[in-house]
Amino acid sequence: MSTMDPDDYAMELGPMGPIGEGAALMLRVNRNCPWNQCLFCPVYKASHFSARSVEEVKRDIEAARRVGDLLESTSWDMGLNGYVQHEVIEASLKKYPELYGKYPSAVTEKQWSALRCLSNVANWYIHGTRRVFLQDANALFMKPGELIEVLGYLKKTFPSVDTITCYARARTCARRTPEELTELHDAGLSWCFVGIESGCDEVLEFMKKGVTRQEHISGGRKLLAAGIEMAAFVMPGLGGRNPDVSGRHTRDTIDLLNEIQPTEVRVRSLAVLESAPLYGKCEAREFFHPGEDQMVEELGEMIEGIDFDCAFETLQMTNAFSFRGRLPGQKRAFLDALDSYRALPPMKRAQYLLNRYLRGGYLEFVQGWGKLDPPLQEKVEEAESSIAEEAPDALKKVETALFTLKSKGIP
């Protein structure tokens, strides 16, 4: 009789991974965010930071190995030569009821944890077991020697791993020595995703980012010098509606990017979430959120101003445009698309924005979360009616609806 324990096939998982890491195994090296004060971010506000021990992380790696072995065994039994496909997952659910219960009708809490692990590992196997993302918000907060031990154990257990990525705070990177970062790179750390957000000290201070412009520069340069690729996240709109502050935010961010020259620039235009402290600042009129046209303008200035070779993307759904390519090679194509939008009369811009967000999937996500409440529904209907009637305030109505839509969450 089988004595398989669901705890042996479960991993501790954090709440999120970044866009672009859908092929990666999620491996949690610490819980939540050690800073957790940024006004625009709600993700960890209800949680406390805690470190995970090397032994805890190793146990999760071992659990991933056991689940992988289980999937491969099932695949061989099915005549699929060890390859993991969706039918292998379904067969595994039926084959191991002691681990996964009678999914989805009768599942214990321990079995739900094992199911989450199965989903994480199976997705990774389907994509080739090459990428691993270290959760949560700042994996480099782990002591360098301990993180190096984890990376070594991970690569020993899964020799197929060739790319290891994580979020990292610029201040933490700046405080690591060049030797420590080089050792982390040599142990397998490939990429750090760093939330720059702004290069303007005034904006960074107001948003309680907990880092200065100079620390951004120091941390970024240290990463790149150690051979670790850097993806820098920037946020059009973070300076608010005040033209003087927003202008400095944009110019200083461009200058900072040109000074660091990260491997990739990722744009995440501001969405003021109801669950974030910044929403209260808006209600108190201590911060005035920018409109879509302003954020498009700032995006154009950033594209125009970046003068080094880098990958560039605006794939998050908070952005009015989805670009992916390289700068400066595709600079003209990106700017032409923005120029075409900016040349439209207000009614046409309103139609574009409404289609972009409401028909492009954002509203569908919000509805799926159960957050399409009566106030949002009313604003969406008002926006649609204003366009249908060609009302003079159509663009304003659309902007109001989109602010409310984005306040519900980010897909």
Protein backbone atom coordinates (compact mmCIF):
# COMPACT_ATOMS: atom_id res chain seq x y z
CA MET A 1 0.00 0.00 0.00
CA SER A 2 1.31 3.47 -0.93
CA THR A 3 2.63 5.70 1.84
CA MET A 4 3.07 8.83 -0.30
CA ASP A 5 2.65 12.00 1.78
CA PRO A 6 1.36 15.17 0.04
CA ASP A 7 3.81 17.22 2.11
CA ASP A 8 6.69 15.55 0.27
CA TYR A 9 5.24 16.73 -3.05
CA ALA A 10 4.49 20.33 -2.07
CA MET A 11 6.48 23.57 -2.38
CA GLU A 12 5.92 26.92 -0.72
CA LEU A 13 4.91 29.43 -3.39
CA GLY A 14 4.69 33.20 -3.30
CA PRO A 15 1.92 35.34 -4.79
CA MET A 16 3.52 36.41 -8.05
CA GLY A 17 6.12 36.08 -10.75
CA PRO A 18 6.96 38.63 -13.45
CA ILE A 19 5.61 38.86 -16.98
CA GLY A 20 7.79 36.79 -19.29
CA GLU A 21 8.57 34.04 -16.79
CA GLY A 22 5.70 31.72 -17.72
CA ALA A 23 8.18 28.96 -18.61
CA ALA A 24 10.00 29.15 -15.27
CA LEU A 25 9.83 27.10 -12.10
CA MET A 26 8.80 29.34 -9.19
CA LEU A 27 11.18 28.78 -6.26
CA ARG A 28 10.60 30.85 -3.11
CA VAL A 29 13.79 31.95 -1.34
CA ASN A 30 12.14 34.51 0.94
CA ARG A 31 8.63 35.60 1.83
CA ASN A 32 7.14 38.91 0.70
CA CYS A 33 9.12 42.17 0.56
CA PRO A 34 11.75 43.40 3.06
CA TRP A 35 10.96 47.04 2.20
CA ASN A 36 7.20 46.96 1.52
CA GLN A 37 6.61 50.73 1.69
CA CYS A 38 6.24 51.80 -1.96
CA LEU A 39 3.01 53.79 -2.29
CA PHE A 40 2.06 52.39 -5.69
CA CYS A 41 2.50 48.69 -4.78
CA PRO A 42 -0.17 46.74 -2.86
CA VAL A 43 1.19 43.22 -3.33
CA TYR A 44 2.73 42.54 0.08
CA LYS A 45 1.14 45.24 2.24
CA ALA A 46 -0.91 42.76 4.30
CA SER A 47 2.10 40.47 4.82
CA HIS A 48 5.29 40.52 6.83
CA PHE A 49 8.71 39.74 5.41
CA SER A 50 10.54 36.64 6.59
CA ALA A 51 13.63 34.87 5.37
CA ARG A 52 13.61 31.22 4.38
CA SER A 53 16.47 28.98 5.42
CA VAL A 54 18.70 27.14 3.00
CA GLU A 55 17.25 23.86 4.24
CA GLU A 56 13.68 25.02 3.57
CA VAL A 57 14.53 25.97 0.01
CA LYS A 58 16.42 22.72 -0.52
CA ARG A 59 13.35 20.78 0.61
CA ASP A 60 11.32 22.57 -2.04
CA ILE A 61 13.90 21.70 -4.68
CA GLU A 62 13.69 18.08 -3.57
CA ALA A 63 9.88 18.23 -3.77
CA ALA A 64 10.15 19.54 -7.33
CA ARG A 65 12.48 16.63 -8.13
CA ARG A 66 9.97 14.11 -6.72
CA VAL A 67 7.10 15.63 -8.71
CA GLY A 68 9.23 15.65 -11.84
CA ASP A 69 10.11 11.98 -11.35
CA LEU A 70 6.42 11.19 -10.85
CA LEU A 71 5.46 12.97 -14.08
CA GLU A 72 8.24 11.33 -16.07
CA SER A 73 7.28 7.89 -14.72
CA THR A 74 3.65 8.46 -15.73
CA SER A 75 4.80 9.61 -19.16
CA TRP A 76 6.85 6.44 -19.67
CA ASP A 77 3.87 4.34 -18.59
CA MET A 78 1.80 6.10 -21.26
CA GLY A 79 4.39 5.45 -23.96
CA LEU A 80 5.44 9.11 -24.21
CA ASN A 81 9.12 8.47 -23.49
CA GLY A 82 9.30 10.71 -20.45
CA TYR A 83 7.92 13.82 -22.15
CA VAL A 84 5.43 15.77 -20.06
CA GLN A 85 2.26 16.91 -21.79
CA HIS A 86 -1.17 17.92 -20.50
CA GLU A 87 -2.50 14.36 -20.72
CA VAL A 88 0.37 13.27 -18.45
CA ILE A 89 -0.80 15.74 -15.81
CA GLU A 90 -4.37 14.47 -16.04
CA ALA A 91 -3.18 10.86 -15.76
CA SER A 92 -1.05 11.74 -12.73
CA LEU A 93 -4.03 13.29 -10.96
CA LYS A 94 -5.94 10.04 -11.37
CA LYS A 95 -2.98 7.78 -10.64
CA TYR A 96 -2.08 9.38 -7.27
CA PRO A 97 -5.32 10.14 -5.35
CA GLU A 98 -3.38 9.98 -2.06
CA LEU A 99 -1.47 13.06 -3.26
CA TYR A 100 -4.11 14.97 -5.15
CA GLY A 101 -7.44 13.72 -3.81
CA LYS A 102 -10.43 13.46 -6.10
CA TYR A 103 -9.72 16.63 -8.01
CA PRO A 104 -11.55 18.98 -7.97
CA SER A 105 -14.41 17.76 -5.77
CA ALA A 106 -12.71 16.26 -2.71
CA VAL A 107 -9.29 17.72 -1.88
CA THR A 108 -7.71 18.30 1.54
CA GLU A 109 -5.64 21.37 2.40
CA LYS A 110 -2.43 19.35 2.16
CA GLN A 111 -3.51 17.99 -1.22
CA TRP A 112 -4.23 21.51 -2.48
CA SER A 113 -0.61 22.40 -1.67
CA ALA A 114 0.55 19.37 -3.61
CA LEU A 115 -1.71 20.38 -6.52
CA ARG A 116 -0.16 23.85 -6.63
CA CYS A 117 3.27 22.27 -6.72
CA LEU A 118 2.18 19.89 -9.47
CA SER A 119 0.96 22.82 -11.58
CA ASN A 120 4.23 24.71 -11.03
CA VAL A 121 6.49 21.76 -11.83
CA ALA A 122 4.40 20.35 -14.69
CA ASN A 123 4.33 23.72 -16.46
CA TRP A 124 8.11 23.87 -16.04
CA TYR A 125 8.59 20.39 -17.49
CA ILE A 126 6.38 21.22 -20.45
CA HIS A 127 8.68 24.17 -21.18
CA GLY A 128 11.92 22.21 -20.88
CA THR A 129 13.10 22.69 -17.25
CA ARG A 130 15.54 25.45 -18.19
CA ARG A 131 14.40 28.62 -16.39
CA VAL A 132 13.90 29.20 -12.67
CA PHE A 133 12.51 32.36 -11.06
CA LEU A 134 13.41 33.05 -7.42
CA GLN A 135 10.50 34.47 -5.44
CA ASP A 136 9.54 36.89 -3.76
CA ALA A 137 10.22 40.61 -4.11
CA ASN A 138 13.97 40.73 -3.42
CA ALA A 139 15.81 37.42 -3.68
CA LEU A 140 19.19 39.13 -3.24
CA PHE A 141 18.18 39.98 0.33
CA MET A 142 19.19 36.40 1.17
CA LYS A 143 22.76 36.27 2.46
CA PRO A 144 25.07 35.83 -0.56
CA GLY A 145 26.69 32.66 0.77
CA GLU A 146 23.31 31.07 1.46
CA LEU A 147 21.93 32.03 -1.94
CA ILE A 148 25.03 30.61 -3.62
CA GLU A 149 24.45 27.34 -1.74
CA VAL A 150 20.82 27.26 -2.94
CA LEU A 151 21.85 27.93 -6.55
CA GLY A 152 24.44 25.18 -6.43
CA TYR A 153 21.95 22.67 -5.04
CA LEU A 154 19.36 23.67 -7.62
CA LYS A 155 21.74 23.16 -10.54
CA LYS A 156 23.05 19.90 -9.10
CA THR A 157 19.49 18.58 -8.73
CA PHE A 158 18.40 19.86 -12.15
CA PRO A 159 21.42 20.05 -14.49
CA SER A 160 19.13 21.26 -17.30
CA VAL A 161 18.75 24.69 -15.63
CA ASP A 162 20.55 27.36 -17.63
CA THR A 163 18.75 30.58 -16.62
CA ILE A 164 17.96 31.77 -13.10
CA THR A 165 16.13 35.07 -12.62
CA CYS A 166 14.77 37.12 -9.72
CA TYR A 167 13.48 40.46 -8.57
CA ALA A 168 16.05 42.59 -6.74
CA ARG A 169 16.02 46.00 -5.11
CA ALA A 170 18.61 48.43 -6.42
CA ARG A 171 19.66 49.37 -2.87
CA THR A 172 20.39 45.71 -2.08
CA CYS A 173 22.41 45.37 -5.29
CA ALA A 174 24.34 48.54 -4.39
CA ARG A 175 25.19 47.11 -0.96
CA ARG A 176 26.54 43.84 -2.35
CA THR A 177 30.25 43.81 -3.10
CA PRO A 178 31.44 43.24 -6.67
CA GLU A 179 32.95 39.95 -5.50
CA GLU A 180 29.64 38.75 -4.01
CA LEU A 181 27.73 39.55 -7.19
CA THR A 182 30.35 37.85 -9.35
CA GLU A 183 30.12 34.74 -7.17
CA LEU A 184 26.33 34.76 -7.53
CA HIS A 185 26.69 35.02 -11.29
CA ASP A 186 29.20 32.18 -11.34
CA ALA A 187 26.79 30.09 -9.24
CA GLY A 188 24.10 30.55 -11.90
CA LEU A 189 22.23 33.83 -11.29
CA SER A 190 21.49 35.09 -14.79
CA TRP A 191 19.09 38.04 -14.54
CA CYS A 192 17.91 40.56 -11.96
CA PHE A 193 14.64 42.42 -12.58
CA VAL A 194 14.98 45.78 -10.85
CA GLY A 195 12.14 48.21 -10.21
CA ILE A 196 13.77 51.52 -11.14
CA GLU A 197 10.37 53.22 -11.63
CA SER A 198 11.93 56.69 -11.72
CA GLY A 199 15.31 58.36 -11.91
CA CYS A 200 14.03 61.44 -10.09
CA ASP A 201 14.89 61.65 -6.38
CA GLU A 202 11.84 63.82 -5.70
CA VAL A 203 9.49 61.17 -7.12
CA LEU A 204 11.36 58.31 -5.46
CA GLU A 205 11.08 60.03 -2.09
CA PHE A 206 7.37 60.84 -2.45
CA MET A 207 6.59 57.27 -3.52
CA LYS A 208 8.59 55.89 -0.56
CA LYS A 209 10.70 53.82 -2.92
CA GLY A 210 13.47 53.60 -0.33
CA VAL A 211 16.25 54.15 -2.83
CA THR A 212 18.04 57.12 -4.37
CA ARG A 213 18.97 57.81 -7.94
CA GLN A 214 22.63 57.22 -7.11
CA GLU A 215 21.84 53.85 -5.52
CA HIS A 216 19.94 52.89 -8.68
CA ILE A 217 23.04 53.69 -10.70
CA SER A 218 25.45 51.94 -8.34
CA GLY A 219 23.33 48.80 -8.07
CA GLY A 220 22.72 48.56 -11.80
CA ARG A 221 26.34 49.07 -12.73
CA LYS A 222 27.47 46.47 -10.19
CA LEU A 223 25.06 43.87 -11.57
CA LEU A 224 26.18 44.38 -15.14
CA ALA A 225 29.88 44.45 -14.21
CA ALA A 226 29.40 41.06 -12.50
CA GLY A 227 27.92 39.62 -15.71
CA ILE A 228 24.33 39.54 -14.43
CA GLU A 229 21.81 40.77 -17.00
CA MET A 230 19.53 43.55 -15.79
CA ALA A 231 15.93 44.31 -16.73
CA ALA A 232 15.01 47.82 -15.54
CA PHE A 233 11.33 48.54 -14.91
CA VAL A 234 10.23 52.16 -15.43
CA MET A 235 6.84 53.75 -14.84
CA PRO A 236 5.43 56.53 -17.01
CA GLY A 237 2.96 58.58 -15.01
CA LEU A 238 4.65 58.16 -11.63
CA GLY A 239 5.38 61.88 -11.42
CA GLY A 240 1.66 62.63 -11.47
CA ARG A 241 -0.14 65.34 -13.39
CA ASN A 242 2.03 68.29 -12.33
CA PRO A 243 3.97 69.15 -15.50
CA ASP A 244 7.10 70.27 -13.68
CA VAL A 245 7.38 67.08 -11.60
CA SER A 246 6.35 64.77 -14.44
CA GLY A 247 8.86 66.47 -16.72
CA ARG A 248 11.68 65.92 -14.24
CA HIS A 249 10.53 62.33 -13.69
CA THR A 250 10.73 61.60 -17.42
CA ARG A 251 14.01 63.41 -18.10
CA ASP A 252 15.76 62.00 -15.04
CA THR A 253 14.57 58.48 -15.81
CA ILE A 254 15.91 58.71 -19.35
CA ASP A 255 19.25 60.05 -18.10
CA LEU A 256 19.49 57.29 -15.49
CA LEU A 257 18.77 54.55 -18.04
CA ASN A 258 21.40 55.97 -20.38
CA GLU A 259 23.90 55.99 -17.51
CA ILE A 260 23.23 52.41 -16.37
CA GLN A 261 22.52 50.93 -19.83
CA PRO A 262 20.56 47.88 -18.61
CA THR A 263 20.14 44.84 -20.82
CA GLU A 264 16.41 45.44 -21.13
CA VAL A 265 13.92 48.21 -20.37
CA ARG A 266 10.41 47.19 -19.36
CA VAL A 267 7.67 49.80 -19.23
CA ARG A 268 4.84 49.51 -16.71
CA SER A 269 2.65 52.63 -16.93
CA LEU A 270 1.10 53.74 -13.66
CA ALA A 271 -2.10 52.12 -12.45
CA VAL A 272 -3.34 53.46 -9.11
CA LEU A 273 -4.75 50.38 -7.41
CA GLU A 274 -7.50 50.62 -4.78
CA SER A 275 -5.45 48.35 -2.55
CA ALA A 276 -2.32 50.54 -2.75
CA PRO A 277 -1.54 53.49 -0.43
CA LEU A 278 -1.28 55.79 -3.47
CA TYR A 279 -5.04 55.46 -4.00
CA GLY A 280 -5.61 57.18 -0.66
CA LYS A 281 -3.22 59.94 -1.73
CA CYS A 282 -5.40 60.48 -4.81
CA GLU A 283 -8.55 60.64 -2.70
CA ALA A 284 -6.88 63.14 -0.38
CA ARG A 285 -5.77 65.16 -3.44
CA GLU A 286 -2.14 64.76 -2.45
CA PHE A 287 -1.44 63.09 -5.79
CA PHE A 288 -3.18 63.74 -9.11
CA HIS A 289 -3.05 60.78 -11.42
CA PRO A 290 -2.09 61.47 -15.04
CA GLY A 291 -4.30 60.73 -18.00
CA GLU A 292 -3.57 58.21 -20.72
CA ASP A 293 -2.45 60.89 -23.17
CA GLN A 294 0.17 62.12 -20.71
CA MET A 295 1.51 58.62 -20.15
CA VAL A 296 1.67 58.04 -23.91
CA GLU A 297 3.61 61.30 -24.20
CA GLU A 298 6.06 60.19 -21.50
CA LEU A 299 6.47 56.81 -23.18
CA GLY A 300 7.34 58.57 -26.43
CA GLU A 301 9.92 60.75 -24.70
CA MET A 302 11.53 57.69 -23.12
CA ILE A 303 11.73 55.87 -26.45
CA GLU A 304 13.16 58.97 -28.10
CA GLY A 305 15.67 59.58 -25.32
CA ILE A 306 17.14 56.09 -24.84
CA ASP A 307 20.44 56.13 -26.74
CA PHE A 308 21.97 52.70 -26.03
CA ASP A 309 21.34 49.23 -27.40
CA CYS A 310 18.77 47.32 -25.36
CA ALA A 311 15.71 45.11 -25.54
CA PHE A 312 12.54 47.12 -24.95
CA GLU A 313 8.99 46.09 -24.15
CA THR A 314 5.66 47.54 -23.01
CA LEU A 315 3.78 44.26 -22.69
CA GLN A 316 1.96 44.85 -19.41
CA MET A 317 -1.71 45.68 -19.98
CA THR A 318 -1.46 49.01 -18.12
CA ASN A 319 0.28 50.39 -21.22
CA ALA A 320 -1.75 51.98 -24.01
CA PHE A 321 0.57 50.35 -26.59
CA SER A 322 2.22 46.94 -26.75
CA PHE A 323 5.74 47.15 -28.13
CA ARG A 324 8.47 44.54 -28.11
CA GLY A 325 11.77 44.86 -29.89
CA ARG A 326 15.12 46.60 -29.66
CA LEU A 327 16.26 50.15 -29.36
CA PRO A 328 17.50 52.05 -31.20
CA GLY A 329 16.74 49.75 -34.15
CA GLN A 330 12.94 49.94 -33.83
CA LYS A 331 12.76 53.42 -32.36
CA ARG A 332 11.24 54.94 -35.48
CA ALA A 333 8.56 52.26 -35.79
CA PHE A 334 7.52 52.69 -32.14
CA LEU A 335 7.46 56.48 -32.41
CA ASP A 336 5.47 56.36 -35.65
CA ALA A 337 2.78 54.32 -33.88
CA LEU A 338 2.63 56.86 -31.05
CA ASP A 339 2.62 59.79 -33.50
CA SER A 340 -0.34 58.25 -35.33
CA TYR A 341 -2.26 58.07 -32.06
CA ARG A 342 -1.35 61.59 -31.01
CA ALA A 343 -2.47 62.95 -34.38
CA LEU A 344 -5.99 61.58 -33.88
CA PRO A 345 -8.81 63.91 -32.78
CA PRO A 346 -10.03 63.40 -29.19
CA MET A 347 -12.98 61.22 -30.21
CA LYS A 348 -10.76 58.80 -32.13
CA ARG A 349 -8.27 58.65 -29.26
CA ALA A 350 -11.14 57.86 -26.91
CA GLN A 351 -12.28 55.05 -29.19
CA TYR A 352 -8.76 53.62 -29.38
CA LEU A 353 -8.31 53.65 -25.62
CA LEU A 354 -11.69 52.10 -24.94
CA ASN A 355 -11.01 49.32 -27.42
CA ARG A 356 -7.49 48.81 -26.10
CA TYR A 357 -8.55 48.21 -22.52
CA LEU A 358 -12.16 47.05 -22.69
CA ARG A 359 -11.93 44.85 -25.76
CA GLY A 360 -8.26 43.94 -25.29
CA GLY A 361 -8.80 41.73 -22.27
CA TYR A 362 -8.41 44.04 -19.26
CA LEU A 363 -12.13 44.20 -18.49
CA GLU A 364 -12.41 40.45 -18.93
CA PHE A 365 -9.69 39.88 -16.33
CA VAL A 366 -11.37 42.24 -13.85
CA GLN A 367 -14.70 40.52 -14.38
CA GLY A 368 -13.05 37.16 -13.79
CA TRP A 369 -11.73 38.44 -10.44
CA GLY A 370 -15.28 39.38 -9.41
CA LYS A 371 -14.39 43.09 -9.36
CA LEU A 372 -16.71 44.37 -12.07
CA ASP A 373 -18.79 46.21 -9.46
CA PRO A 374 -21.70 48.62 -10.12
CA PRO A 375 -19.56 51.83 -9.96
CA LEU A 376 -17.12 50.45 -12.56
CA GLN A 377 -19.96 49.11 -14.71
CA GLU A 378 -21.63 52.53 -14.61
CA LYS A 379 -18.46 54.34 -15.66
CA VAL A 380 -17.86 51.89 -18.51
CA GLU A 381 -21.42 52.36 -19.75
CA GLU A 382 -21.06 56.15 -19.53
CA ALA A 383 -17.85 55.98 -21.55
CA GLU A 384 -19.42 53.78 -24.21
CA SER A 385 -22.49 56.01 -24.43
CA SER A 386 -20.40 59.16 -24.72
CA ILE A 387 -18.58 57.71 -27.72
CA ALA A 388 -21.77 56.45 -29.32
CA GLU A 389 -23.27 59.94 -28.94
CA GLU A 390 -19.99 61.66 -29.96
CA ALA A 391 -20.19 63.74 -26.80
CA PRO A 392 -17.62 66.52 -26.35
CA ASP A 393 -16.48 65.00 -23.05
CA ALA A 394 -16.07 61.46 -24.44
CA LEU A 395 -12.30 61.34 -23.86
CA LYS A 396 -12.75 62.53 -20.27
CA LYS A 397 -15.42 59.87 -19.67
CA VAL A 398 -13.14 57.19 -21.09
CA GLU A 399 -10.23 58.35 -18.93
CA THR A 400 -12.43 58.14 -15.82
CA ALA A 401 -13.59 54.65 -16.73
CA LEU A 402 -10.02 53.48 -17.37
CA PHE A 403 -8.73 54.88 -14.08
CA THR A 404 -11.47 52.95 -12.27
CA LEU A 405 -10.83 49.82 -14.32
CA LYS A 406 -7.10 49.86 -13.62
CA SER A 407 -7.71 50.50 -9.92
CA LYS A 408 -9.11 46.97 -9.61
CA GLY A 409 -5.85 45.20 -10.39
CA ILE A 410 -3.20 44.48 -13.01
CA PRO A 411 -3.49 41.38 -15.23
